[in-house]
Protein backbone atom coordinates (compact mmCIF):
# COMPACT_ATOMS: atom_id res chain seq x y z
CA MET A 1 2.36 17.85 44.01
CA ASP A 2 4.88 17.32 46.81
CA CYS A 3 7.50 15.53 44.75
CA ALA A 4 7.71 18.20 42.01
CA GLN A 5 7.15 21.28 44.20
CA ILE A 6 4.17 22.30 42.02
CA PRO A 7 1.83 24.61 43.97
CA ALA A 8 -1.34 22.52 43.47
CA ASN A 9 -3.19 20.10 45.71
CA PHE A 10 -3.78 16.70 44.11
CA HIS A 11 -4.52 14.90 47.36
CA CYS A 12 -7.77 12.97 47.49
CA THR A 13 -10.20 14.77 49.79
CA ARG A 14 -11.37 11.42 51.20
CA CYS A 15 -8.34 9.13 51.58
CA GLY A 16 -5.55 11.71 51.35
CA VAL A 17 -3.58 9.83 48.68
CA GLU A 18 -1.81 12.03 46.13
CA ASP A 19 -3.21 11.12 42.73
CA GLU A 20 -4.70 12.76 39.67
CA PRO A 21 -8.38 13.30 40.52
CA VAL A 22 -11.04 11.43 38.56
CA ARG A 23 -13.96 13.38 39.92
CA THR A 24 -13.76 16.61 41.87
CA GLY A 25 -11.52 15.98 44.84
CA LEU A 26 -11.59 12.15 44.58
CA CYS A 27 -8.91 9.73 43.38
CA ALA A 28 -9.52 6.76 41.07
CA ARG A 29 -9.73 4.26 43.93
CA CYS A 30 -12.33 6.21 45.90
CA CYS A 31 -14.38 6.71 42.74
CA LEU A 32 -14.12 2.97 42.03
CA LYS A 33 -15.37 2.16 45.53
CA ASP A 34 -18.34 4.47 45.06
CA ASP A 35 -19.27 3.27 41.57
CA LEU A 36 -18.80 -0.43 42.28
CA GLY A 37 -20.61 -0.10 45.61
CA ASP A 38 -23.61 1.43 43.82
CA LEU A 39 -23.67 -1.47 41.35
CA LEU A 40 -23.47 -4.21 43.98
CA ARG A 41 -26.03 -2.89 46.49
CA ASP A 42 -28.72 -5.30 47.61
CA GLU A 43 -32.29 -4.45 48.57
CA HIS A 44 -31.11 -3.35 52.04
CA GLY A 45 -28.76 -0.69 50.67
CA GLY A 46 -25.48 -2.41 51.50
CA ILE A 47 -23.09 -4.33 49.27
CA ALA A 48 -24.54 -7.79 48.65
CA GLU A 49 -22.69 -10.26 50.88
CA HIS A 50 -22.09 -12.79 48.09
CA MET A 51 -20.44 -10.04 46.00
CA LEU A 52 -18.05 -8.84 48.70
CA PRO A 53 -15.05 -10.93 47.47
CA LEU A 54 -15.30 -9.26 44.06
CA TYR A 55 -15.70 -5.81 45.59
CA ARG A 56 -12.62 -6.27 47.78
CA ALA A 57 -10.51 -7.68 44.95
CA LEU A 58 -11.30 -4.87 42.52
CA THR A 59 -11.03 -2.01 44.98
CA THR A 60 -7.70 -3.18 46.40
CA GLN A 61 -5.92 -4.00 43.12
CA ALA A 62 -2.81 -1.98 42.34
CA ASN A 63 -4.27 -0.30 39.26
CA ALA A 64 -7.66 1.10 40.23
CA ARG A 65 -7.99 3.09 37.02
CA SER A 66 -8.01 -0.03 34.83
CA ALA A 67 -10.96 -1.44 36.79
CA ARG A 68 -12.88 1.81 36.31
CA VAL A 69 -12.16 1.83 32.57
CA TRP A 70 -13.33 -1.79 32.32
CA MET A 71 -16.59 -0.95 34.10
CA ILE A 72 -17.21 2.12 31.96
CA THR A 73 -16.46 0.50 28.59
CA ASN A 74 -18.06 -2.91 29.22
CA LYS A 75 -21.77 -2.17 29.53
CA PRO A 76 -22.92 -5.84 29.53
CA ALA A 77 -20.58 -6.65 32.44
CA LYS A 78 -21.76 -3.56 34.32
CA GLU A 79 -25.43 -4.51 33.88
CA LEU A 80 -24.71 -8.09 34.95
CA LEU A 81 -22.92 -6.87 38.07
CA ARG A 82 -26.04 -4.90 39.03
CA ALA A 83 -28.25 -7.94 38.41
CA LEU A 84 -25.97 -10.18 40.48
CA GLY A 85 -25.97 -7.65 43.31
CA THR A 86 -29.75 -7.38 43.48
CA GLY A 87 -30.20 -11.13 43.04
CA SER A 88 -32.17 -10.86 39.81
CA ALA A 89 -29.42 -12.97 38.21
CA SER A 90 -28.09 -16.09 39.93
CA LEU A 91 -24.39 -16.55 40.56
CA THR A 92 -23.99 -19.67 38.40
CA HIS A 93 -22.11 -20.64 35.26
CA GLU A 94 -25.40 -20.77 33.35
CA THR A 95 -25.89 -17.04 33.93
CA PHE A 96 -22.70 -16.44 31.96
CA THR A 97 -23.04 -19.13 29.27
CA GLN A 98 -26.65 -18.11 28.53
CA HIS A 99 -25.89 -14.39 28.54
CA PRO A 100 -26.81 -12.59 25.27
CA THR A 101 -23.15 -11.59 24.84
CA PRO A 102 -21.16 -14.28 26.70
CA GLY A 103 -17.84 -13.00 25.39
CA LYS A 104 -18.38 -9.62 27.05
CA VAL A 105 -18.83 -11.17 30.49
CA GLN A 106 -16.25 -13.95 30.18
CA HIS A 107 -13.55 -11.97 31.99
CA LEU A 108 -15.93 -11.34 34.89
CA ARG A 109 -16.75 -15.04 35.03
CA LYS A 110 -13.08 -16.05 35.15
CA LEU A 111 -12.41 -13.46 37.82
CA MET A 112 -15.21 -14.90 39.97
CA MET A 113 -13.85 -18.41 39.51
CA SER A 114 -10.40 -17.26 40.61
CA LEU A 115 -12.04 -15.73 43.71
CA GLU A 116 -13.92 -19.03 44.35
CA MET A 117 -17.27 -17.24 44.06
CA ILE A 118 -18.37 -19.92 41.59
CA GLU A 119 -16.90 -23.38 41.19
CA GLU A 120 -13.94 -23.85 38.87
CA ARG A 121 -14.80 -25.06 35.38
CA ASN A 122 -12.24 -25.80 32.69
CA GLY A 123 -12.70 -23.22 29.97
CA ARG A 124 -10.96 -25.27 27.29
CA ILE A 125 -13.32 -28.21 27.73
CA GLU A 126 -16.30 -25.90 27.65
CA ARG A 127 -15.02 -24.14 24.54
CA PHE A 128 -14.58 -27.48 22.79
CA GLU A 129 -18.09 -28.58 23.74
CA ILE A 130 -19.59 -25.33 22.42
CA TRP A 131 -17.49 -25.56 19.25
CA LEU A 132 -18.50 -29.20 18.74
CA ASP A 133 -22.22 -28.45 19.07
CA GLN A 134 -21.90 -25.67 16.49
CA LYS A 135 -19.82 -27.87 14.18
CA LEU A 136 -22.32 -30.72 14.31
CA LEU A 137 -25.11 -28.39 13.19
CA LYS A 138 -23.31 -28.10 9.84
CA VAL A 139 -23.00 -31.86 9.27
CA PRO A 140 -25.83 -32.76 6.85
CA SER A 141 -25.94 -36.53 7.42
CA PRO A 142 -27.61 -37.58 10.72
CA LYS A 143 -25.55 -40.79 10.64
CA HIS A 144 -22.29 -38.88 10.24
CA LYS A 145 -23.38 -36.45 12.95
CA ARG A 146 -23.91 -39.27 15.46
CA LEU A 147 -20.59 -40.87 14.53
CA ILE A 148 -18.61 -37.64 14.89
CA ALA A 149 -20.32 -36.85 18.20
CA GLN A 150 -19.40 -40.29 19.58
CA PHE A 151 -15.81 -39.94 18.38
CA ALA A 152 -15.30 -36.43 19.71
CA ARG A 153 -16.78 -37.21 23.12
CA PHE A 154 -15.26 -40.65 23.57
CA VAL A 155 -11.76 -39.80 22.31
CA HIS A 156 -11.15 -36.08 22.67
CA LEU A 157 -13.38 -35.06 25.56
CA ASN A 158 -12.34 -38.06 27.65
CA ARG A 159 -8.69 -37.22 27.07
CA MET A 160 -9.21 -33.54 27.81
CA ARG A 161 -11.03 -34.30 31.07
CA HIS A 162 -8.23 -36.65 32.11
CA LEU A 163 -5.60 -34.00 31.38
CA ALA A 164 -7.66 -31.35 33.16
CA SER A 165 -7.85 -33.54 36.27
CA GLN A 166 -4.03 -33.54 36.30
CA ASN A 167 -3.86 -29.80 35.57
CA SER A 168 -2.14 -30.65 32.27
CA LEU A 169 -4.71 -29.57 29.68
CA LYS A 170 -3.03 -27.15 27.26
CA GLU A 171 -4.36 -24.90 24.54
CA GLY A 172 -2.61 -27.06 21.96
CA THR A 173 -4.72 -30.07 23.00
CA LEU A 174 -7.89 -28.09 22.32
CA LEU A 175 -6.64 -26.94 18.93
CA SER A 176 -5.55 -30.47 17.99
CA ALA A 177 -8.94 -31.89 19.01
CA ARG A 178 -10.71 -29.33 16.83
CA GLN A 179 -8.51 -30.05 13.83
CA SER A 180 -8.83 -33.81 14.28
CA THR A 181 -12.62 -33.56 14.48
CA SER A 182 -12.84 -31.23 11.47
CA THR A 183 -10.66 -33.59 9.41
CA ALA A 184 -12.83 -36.55 10.46
CA ILE A 185 -15.91 -34.71 9.17
CA GLU A 186 -14.12 -34.01 5.88
CA PHE A 187 -13.10 -37.68 5.59
CA LEU A 188 -16.69 -38.84 6.00
CA GLY A 189 -17.74 -36.24 3.43
CA PHE A 190 -15.07 -37.64 1.07
CA LEU A 191 -16.49 -41.15 1.45
CA ASP A 192 -20.02 -39.83 0.96
CA GLY A 193 -18.90 -38.14 -2.27
CA ARG A 194 -17.86 -41.58 -3.50
CA GLY A 195 -21.21 -43.00 -2.59
CA ARG A 196 -19.88 -45.02 0.33
CA ASP A 197 -21.03 -45.41 3.91
CA PRO A 198 -18.23 -45.61 6.51
CA GLY A 199 -18.74 -49.39 6.72
CA GLU A 200 -18.02 -49.66 2.98
CA CYS A 201 -14.68 -47.85 3.14
CA THR A 202 -11.86 -49.57 1.21
CA GLN A 203 -8.07 -49.36 1.28
CA GLU A 204 -8.23 -47.57 -2.07
CA ASP A 205 -10.44 -44.89 -0.48
CA ILE A 206 -7.90 -44.27 2.26
CA ASN A 207 -5.00 -44.18 -0.19
CA ASP A 208 -6.81 -41.72 -2.46
CA TRP A 209 -7.81 -39.57 0.51
CA LEU A 210 -4.19 -39.25 1.65
CA ALA A 211 -2.75 -38.79 -1.84
CA GLY A 212 -5.34 -36.36 -3.16
CA GLY A 213 -5.10 -33.47 -0.70
CA PRO A 214 -2.96 -31.56 1.82
CA THR A 215 -0.83 -33.33 4.41
CA THR A 216 -3.36 -32.37 7.13
CA ARG A 217 -5.56 -35.16 5.77
CA SER A 218 -3.37 -37.57 7.73
CA LEU A 219 -4.99 -36.17 10.90
CA ALA A 220 -8.06 -38.28 10.08
CA ARG A 221 -6.03 -41.29 11.25
CA THR A 222 -7.17 -40.84 14.87
CA PHE A 223 -10.80 -41.00 13.79
CA ALA A 224 -10.20 -43.89 11.39
CA ARG A 225 -8.41 -45.97 14.03
CA TRP A 226 -11.19 -45.35 16.54
CA ALA A 227 -13.86 -46.16 13.95
CA MET A 228 -12.08 -49.40 13.05
CA GLU A 229 -11.88 -50.45 16.71
CA ALA A 230 -15.58 -49.63 17.13
CA ARG A 231 -16.36 -51.55 13.89
CA HIS A 232 -17.79 -48.55 12.09
CA ILE A 233 -15.07 -48.93 9.41
CA PRO A 234 -13.44 -52.17 8.18
CA LYS A 235 -9.97 -52.99 9.45
CA LEU A 236 -7.67 -51.21 7.00
CA ASP A 237 -4.24 -49.58 6.97
CA PHE A 238 -4.13 -45.86 7.67
CA PRO A 239 -0.39 -45.06 7.74
CA TYR A 240 1.33 -42.40 9.82
CA ARG A 241 2.59 -39.36 8.00
CA VAL A 242 6.36 -39.02 8.37
CA ALA A 243 7.83 -35.56 7.80
CA LYS A 244 10.45 -35.60 5.04
CA THR A 245 12.41 -32.66 6.39
CA LEU A 246 13.08 -31.14 9.77
CA PRO A 247 13.56 -27.34 9.81
CA ARG A 248 16.73 -26.23 11.54
CA LEU A 249 18.59 -22.94 11.92
CA SER A 250 22.33 -22.77 11.49
CA GLN A 251 24.36 -22.47 14.70
CA ASP A 252 25.47 -18.97 13.65
CA ARG A 253 21.85 -17.86 13.28
CA ARG A 254 20.94 -19.41 16.64
CA LEU A 255 23.79 -17.54 18.37
CA GLU A 256 22.73 -14.33 16.62
CA LEU A 257 19.21 -14.74 18.03
CA ILE A 258 20.58 -15.42 21.53
CA ARG A 259 22.59 -12.19 21.40
CA ARG A 260 19.53 -10.34 20.18
CA ALA A 261 17.44 -11.71 23.05
CA LEU A 262 20.10 -10.41 25.44
CA ASP A 263 20.73 -6.99 23.90
CA ASP A 264 17.72 -5.87 21.86
CA ASP A 265 15.74 -3.49 24.05
CA GLU A 266 13.08 -3.16 21.36
CA LEU A 267 11.97 -6.71 22.15
CA ASP A 268 9.47 -7.05 25.00
CA SER A 269 11.16 -8.41 28.15
CA GLY A 270 8.76 -11.36 28.22
CA ASP A 271 9.50 -12.19 24.58
CA ARG A 272 13.23 -12.04 25.32
CA ALA A 273 12.86 -14.43 28.27
CA ALA A 274 10.70 -16.83 26.23
CA CYS A 275 13.17 -16.68 23.37
CA LEU A 276 16.08 -17.55 25.66
CA LEU A 277 14.20 -20.51 27.15
CA MET A 278 13.76 -21.87 23.65
CA LEU A 279 17.24 -21.05 22.32
CA LEU A 280 19.19 -22.18 25.40
CA PHE A 281 17.13 -25.15 26.57
CA GLY A 282 15.15 -26.22 23.50
CA GLN A 283 11.78 -25.72 25.18
CA PRO A 284 8.71 -25.54 22.92
CA LEU A 285 6.57 -22.45 23.44
CA THR A 286 3.65 -24.58 24.62
CA ARG A 287 5.76 -25.44 27.67
CA VAL A 288 7.29 -21.98 28.02
CA ALA A 289 3.86 -20.34 28.17
CA ALA A 290 2.79 -22.68 30.98
CA MET A 291 5.94 -22.38 33.12
CA LYS A 292 5.48 -21.64 36.82
CA MET A 293 7.54 -19.39 39.04
CA GLU A 294 8.48 -22.39 41.19
CA GLN A 295 10.47 -23.81 38.24
CA PHE A 296 13.10 -21.11 38.81
CA LEU A 297 15.30 -21.81 41.83
CA HIS A 298 17.18 -18.83 43.29
CA SER A 299 20.33 -19.42 45.37
CA ASP A 300 21.74 -17.20 48.11
CA ASP A 301 24.87 -16.46 46.07
CA GLY A 302 22.82 -14.95 43.21
CA GLY A 303 22.75 -18.07 41.07
CA LEU A 304 19.71 -19.32 39.21
CA GLN A 305 18.51 -22.77 38.20
CA VAL A 306 15.53 -23.79 36.10
CA VAL A 307 13.67 -27.11 36.22
CA PHE A 308 12.17 -28.79 33.15
CA GLY A 309 12.63 -32.46 33.98
CA GLU A 310 14.27 -34.55 36.68
CA ASP A 311 17.25 -32.34 37.50
CA PRO A 312 17.63 -28.57 37.80
CA ILE A 313 19.72 -26.85 35.14
CA GLU A 314 22.16 -24.07 35.93
CA VAL A 315 21.43 -20.84 34.09
CA PRO A 316 24.75 -19.38 32.84
CA ALA A 317 25.67 -16.15 34.66
CA VAL A 318 25.44 -14.00 31.53
CA PHE A 319 21.72 -14.81 31.17
CA ILE A 320 20.70 -14.54 34.84
CA PRO A 321 19.99 -10.76 34.83
CA ALA A 322 17.63 -11.09 31.85
CA PHE A 323 15.57 -13.76 33.60
CA LYS A 324 15.60 -12.11 37.03
CA ASP A 325 14.64 -8.69 35.66
CA TYR A 326 11.68 -10.16 33.81
CA LEU A 327 10.47 -12.36 36.69
CA ALA A 328 10.56 -9.37 39.05
CA ASN A 329 8.47 -7.27 36.65
CA ARG A 330 5.99 -9.67 35.09
CA PRO A 331 3.07 -8.06 33.24
CA ASN A 332 -0.63 -8.47 34.08
CA THR A 333 -0.10 -8.70 37.85
CA ASN A 334 -1.34 -5.26 38.93
CA THR A 335 -5.07 -5.96 38.66
CA ALA A 336 -7.51 -8.22 40.47
CA SER A 337 -7.11 -10.75 37.65
CA ASN A 338 -3.68 -12.12 38.58
CA PRO A 339 -2.37 -10.90 41.94
CA GLY A 340 0.33 -13.31 43.07
CA SER A 341 0.06 -15.26 39.82
CA PRO A 342 2.01 -18.55 39.89
CA TRP A 343 2.71 -18.29 36.15
CA CYS A 344 5.97 -16.97 34.72
CA PHE A 345 3.98 -15.52 31.83
CA PRO A 346 0.62 -14.41 33.27
CA GLY A 347 -2.21 -13.95 30.80
CA PHE A 348 -4.91 -11.30 30.68
CA SER A 349 -7.61 -13.67 31.96
CA PRO A 350 -7.86 -14.33 35.71
CA GLY A 351 -5.75 -17.24 36.91
CA GLU A 352 -4.45 -18.15 33.44
CA HIS A 353 -1.07 -17.99 31.75
CA ILE A 354 -0.47 -16.44 28.35
CA SER A 355 -1.62 -18.61 25.48
CA ALA A 356 1.15 -20.36 23.56
CA ASN A 357 -0.45 -19.13 20.34
CA ARG A 358 -0.12 -15.48 21.40
CA LEU A 359 3.52 -16.07 22.33
CA MET A 360 4.16 -17.78 18.98
CA ILE A 361 2.64 -14.88 17.05
CA ARG A 362 4.75 -12.33 18.90
CA LEU A 363 8.03 -14.19 18.33
CA ARG A 364 7.21 -14.89 14.68
CA GLU A 365 6.51 -11.20 14.21
CA ALA A 366 9.99 -10.60 15.65
CA GLY A 367 11.39 -12.70 12.79
CA ILE A 368 12.15 -15.94 14.67
CA ASP A 369 11.74 -19.34 13.00
CA LEU A 370 10.37 -21.16 16.03
CA GLN A 371 10.58 -24.75 14.83
CA GLY A 372 14.00 -24.25 13.29
CA ALA A 373 15.29 -22.56 16.46
CA LYS A 374 14.07 -25.31 18.75
CA ASN A 375 15.47 -28.08 16.56
CA ALA A 376 18.81 -26.31 16.22
CA THR A 377 19.05 -25.97 20.01
CA LEU A 378 18.23 -29.61 20.71
CA GLN A 379 20.68 -30.86 18.09
CA GLU A 380 23.42 -28.68 19.52
CA LEU A 381 22.68 -29.97 23.02
CA VAL A 382 22.95 -33.65 22.04
CA LEU A 383 26.39 -32.86 20.63
CA SER A 384 27.52 -31.75 24.08
CA MET A 385 25.91 -34.50 26.17
CA PRO A 386 24.36 -37.95 25.79
CA PRO A 387 20.73 -37.80 24.63
CA ALA A 388 19.55 -39.67 27.75
CA ILE A 389 20.91 -36.90 30.00
CA ALA A 390 19.42 -34.26 27.72
CA ALA A 391 16.04 -36.00 27.81
CA ASP A 392 15.97 -36.17 31.62
CA ALA A 393 17.13 -32.59 32.09
CA LEU A 394 14.93 -30.98 29.44
CA GLY A 395 11.75 -33.00 29.92
CA TYR A 396 11.81 -34.87 26.61
CA SER A 397 11.39 -38.57 25.90
CA TYR A 398 14.45 -40.65 25.05
CA GLN A 399 12.99 -41.37 21.60
CA VAL A 400 12.74 -37.68 20.72
CA MET A 401 16.31 -36.97 21.78
CA ASP A 402 17.56 -40.04 19.90
CA ILE A 403 16.03 -38.62 16.73
CA HIS A 404 17.81 -35.31 17.28
CA GLU A 405 21.04 -37.15 17.96
CA GLN A 406 20.73 -38.97 14.64
CA ARG A 407 19.95 -35.77 12.75
CA ALA A 408 22.88 -34.03 14.42
CA GLY A 409 25.15 -36.85 13.25
CA ALA A 410 26.38 -37.74 16.73
CA ARG A 411 26.53 -41.13 18.42
CA TRP A 412 27.95 -41.58 21.92
CA LYS A 413 29.99 -44.72 22.43
CA THR A 414 31.16 -44.37 26.02
CA TYR A 415 29.30 -43.09 29.03
CA PRO A 416 31.66 -42.78 32.03
CA GLU A 417 31.14 -39.02 32.27
CA LEU A 418 27.39 -39.57 32.01
CA VAL A 419 27.45 -41.84 35.03
CA ARG A 420 29.60 -39.40 37.01
CA SER A 421 27.47 -36.39 36.15
CA LYS A 422 24.27 -38.25 37.02
CA ALA A 423 25.71 -39.17 40.40
CA ARG A 424 26.47 -35.55 41.31
CA THR A 425 23.90 -34.12 43.68
CA ASN A 426 22.77 -30.50 43.99
CA GLN A 427 24.39 -29.73 40.65
CA GLY A 428 22.58 -29.28 37.39
CA TRP A 429 23.77 -29.34 33.84
CA GLN A 430 24.70 -25.90 32.53
CA PRO A 431 24.56 -24.93 28.85
CA GLN A 432 27.56 -23.06 27.52
CA PRO A 433 26.94 -19.37 26.76
CA PRO A 434 27.62 -18.20 23.21
């Protein structure tokens, strides 16, 4: 090894790169080219033309060893690659969805979509459709099954397709649609247990349903409102559930967490960046997970701004190194899955960002009360600026920020500074460091 003056030759006998050999004389990349080339050969002995984009992406990724490990450990994906190369399997979505072990070949499918080898298809919509079909199999009443299918497709699938067309479909929407549909099934089962068809539902039934179980029963309101409009259920009152309390951290605890996000090297750099985005700017993790690199604006003088709403926000100087260090060393960008990923928090799957749920689990495991932290941040921010400015800068509605203003006990009476600050151009609001 040249760099350590060790008298041994670790140069690849084919490409000359110095690397630990995988097979006698050959580096990981050359071995990957050989193994993948063997899998993707067509009947003429060359790499199948329609598989060339995948071959190039895998053999040129920064970490060749990870691709080899994936091929060795994932036998279903390896066998499918051979079938796609020879043409015995067609390069379509159905080949993946009808595979005996679809989960084992899902990563390969997403990788091919990111390489435009097969047309893009929204995975969240497909997952909901598969989940719905399986859920309906467990509904005993054919009438209830038809009603739930109509509701789920007309309300949830239509909304999900609309959001997907605007590139705004989030994991939380999928989870909410599942929970709403499950609660609707339970509500119909509740009515059936009382010997009632949906068309015989009474106000007493709704009241007893809401009073006799967990607060999640209120999620049946979406179904009930739709069913009333479609005349499947009589016009009745299904009230909103209003939370009695709003969790909130103390300001001292919030500042303690900010210092920890800055100084605690035991926290993953991505978790620290996500934590700061929540604790400084009140961003929910569903938004943090889906942030794009273009939302961070770098200036020639070393400054940094971040965009959540209408106007860019100045990142205080003390926090700039933490953000810049993370953005320059994002994870999951050294394989064919996410080269040049536009996401601030790239996920493991090709072309996708990290799931908000995964981010939530990691921060909760670090001992952070997510809801309390976000609420504490927003209520501190409306004490330092009018809620309308906070809403525009942070991407919230005016109604949401008004609620936080009320809970923070602050009411603004005069707005001259608001008007002046709004009129300033090329300057963003800057939160005060702790």
